[in-house]
C-alpha atoms as a PDB file:
ATOM      1  CA  MET A   1       6.148  -2.190 -51.241  1.00  0.00           C
ATOM      2  CA  MET A   2       3.626  -0.474 -49.031  1.00  0.00           C
ATOM      3  CA  TYR A   3       0.960  -2.418 -47.238  1.00  0.00           C
ATOM      4  CA  GLY A   4      -1.438   0.416 -46.610  1.00  0.00           C
ATOM      5  CA  GLY A   5       0.745   2.229 -44.040  1.00  0.00           C
ATOM      6  CA  TYR A   6      -0.395   0.153 -41.071  1.00  0.00           C
ATOM      7  CA  GLY A   7       3.102  -0.980 -40.156  1.00  0.00           C
ATOM      8  CA  MET A   8       4.090   2.287 -38.491  1.00  0.00           C
ATOM      9  CA  PHE A   9       0.753   2.518 -36.710  1.00  0.00           C
ATOM     10  CA  VAL A  10       1.025  -0.992 -35.261  1.00  0.00           C
ATOM     11  CA  GLY A  11       4.676  -0.440 -34.335  1.00  0.00           C
ATOM     12  CA  GLY A  12       3.867   2.840 -32.579  1.00  0.00           C
ATOM     13  CA  LEU A  13       0.936   1.282 -30.768  1.00  0.00           C
ATOM     14  CA  LEU A  14       3.090  -1.627 -29.606  1.00  0.00           C
ATOM     15  CA  CYS A  15       5.723   0.820 -28.355  1.00  0.00           C
ATOM     16  CA  LEU A  16       3.094   2.743 -26.355  1.00  0.00           C
ATOM     17  CA  ILE A  17       1.769  -0.484 -24.833  1.00  0.00           C
ATOM     18  CA  ILE A  18       5.254  -1.531 -23.729  1.00  0.00           C
ATOM     19  CA  ILE A  19       5.998   1.898 -22.239  1.00  0.00           C
ATOM     20  CA  GLY A  20       2.644   1.816 -20.439  1.00  0.00           C
ATOM     21  CA  MET A  21       3.387  -1.608 -18.966  1.00  0.00           C
ATOM     22  CA  ILE A  22       6.803  -0.482 -17.732  1.00  0.00           C
ATOM     23  CA  ALA A  23       5.267   2.626 -16.126  1.00  0.00           C
ATOM     24  CA  TYR A  24       2.559   0.488 -14.499  1.00  0.00           C
ATOM     25  CA  PHE A  25       5.106  -1.866 -12.898  1.00  0.00           C
ATOM     26  CA  ILE A  26       7.301   1.002 -11.680  1.00  0.00           C
ATOM     27  CA  ILE A  27       4.305   2.735 -10.067  1.00  0.00           C
ATOM     28  CA  ASN A  28       3.238  -0.509  -8.370  1.00  0.00           C
ATOM     29  CA  ILE A  29       6.725  -1.072  -6.962  1.00  0.00           C
ATOM     30  CA  PHE A  30       6.744   2.409  -5.382  1.00  0.00           C
ATOM     31  CA  ASN A  31       3.218   1.999  -4.011  1.00  0.00           C
ATOM     32  CA  LYS A  32       4.093  -1.316  -2.350  1.00  0.00           C
ATOM     33  CA  ASN A  33       7.162   0.229  -0.726  1.00  0.00           C
ATOM     34  CA  GLU A  34       5.046   3.125   0.530  1.00  0.00           C
ATOM     35  CA  LYS A  35       2.487   0.779   2.073  1.00  0.00           C
ATOM     36  CA  ASN A  36       5.180  -1.274   3.821  1.00  0.00           C
ATOM     37  CA  SER A  37       6.818   1.825   5.300  1.00  0.00           C
ATOM     38  CA  ASN A  38       3.540   2.782   7.005  1.00  0.00           C
ATOM     39  CA  VAL A  39       3.562  -0.216   9.383  1.00  0.00           C
ATOM     40  CA  SER A  40       4.804   1.854  12.344  1.00  0.00           C
ATOM     41  CA  GLY A  41       1.962   4.325  11.776  1.00  0.00           C
ATOM     42  CA  THR A  42      -0.490   1.448  12.062  1.00  0.00           C
ATOM     43  CA  LYS A  43       0.907   0.427  15.446  1.00  0.00           C
ATOM     44  CA  ALA A  44       0.490   3.971  16.755  1.00  0.00           C
ATOM     45  CA  SER A  45      -3.109   3.936  15.591  1.00  0.00           C
ATOM     46  CA  ALA A  46      -3.681   0.608  17.322  1.00  0.00           C
ATOM     47  CA  ILE A  47      -2.298   1.979  20.585  1.00  0.00           C
ATOM     48  CA  ASP A  48      -4.502   5.067  20.230  1.00  0.00           C
ATOM     49  CA  LEU A  49      -7.513   2.833  19.716  1.00  0.00           C
ATOM     50  CA  LEU A  50      -6.552   0.745  22.740  1.00  0.00           C
ATOM     51  CA  ASN A  51      -6.219   3.886  24.874  1.00  0.00           C
ATOM     52  CA  GLU A  52      -9.632   5.069  23.706  1.00  0.00           C
ATOM     53  CA  ARG A  53     -11.263   1.740  24.572  1.00  0.00           C
ATOM     54  CA  TYR A  54      -9.669   1.811  28.030  1.00  0.00           C
ATOM     55  CA  VAL A  55     -10.819   5.383  28.695  1.00  0.00           C
ATOM     56  CA  ASN A  56     -14.357   4.529  27.563  1.00  0.00           C
ATOM     57  CA  GLY A  57     -14.432   1.582  29.978  1.00  0.00           C
ATOM     58  CA  GLU A  58     -14.771  -1.054  27.275  1.00  0.00           C
ATOM     59  CA  ILE A  59     -11.793  -3.015  28.668  1.00  0.00           C
ATOM     60  CA  ASP A  60     -10.378  -3.272  32.184  1.00  0.00           C
ATOM     61  CA  GLU A  61      -6.841  -2.404  33.313  1.00  0.00           C
ATOM     62  CA  GLU A  62      -5.577  -5.986  33.128  1.00  0.00           C
ATOM     63  CA  GLU A  63      -6.776  -6.392  29.531  1.00  0.00           C
ATOM     64  CA  TYR A  64      -5.380  -2.963  28.652  1.00  0.00           C
ATOM     65  CA  ASN A  65      -1.918  -3.795  29.975  1.00  0.00           C
ATOM     66  CA  ARG A  66      -1.875  -7.209  28.302  1.00  0.00           C
ATOM     67  CA  ARG A  67      -2.813  -5.804  24.887  1.00  0.00           C
ATOM     68  CA  LYS A  68      -0.416  -2.894  25.265  1.00  0.00           C
ATOM     69  CA  GLU A  69       2.483  -5.304  25.812  1.00  0.00           C
ATOM     70  CA  VAL A  70       1.474  -7.281  22.728  1.00  0.00           C
ATOM     71  CA  LEU A  71       1.432  -4.110  20.630  1.00  0.00           C
ATOM     72  CA  LYS A  72       4.866  -3.014  21.881  1.00  0.00           C
ATOM     73  CA  ASP A  73       6.450  -6.217  20.528  1.00  0.00           C
END
């Protein structure tokens, strides 16, 4: 008994949806790990920004040293 041949189409479509969902979750897992590994790069950027503010005279030496110690921790 054939029901118009839609069974293979629906089954194939469902298979593609499941494969797409699996690929989506795998890509998200790798992207989250990549973002978390960049934390040390963010600290370096913060120190660079602090140095720039100190050189431009936006903060004094006391404030510079205090913030630099906070960033080192």
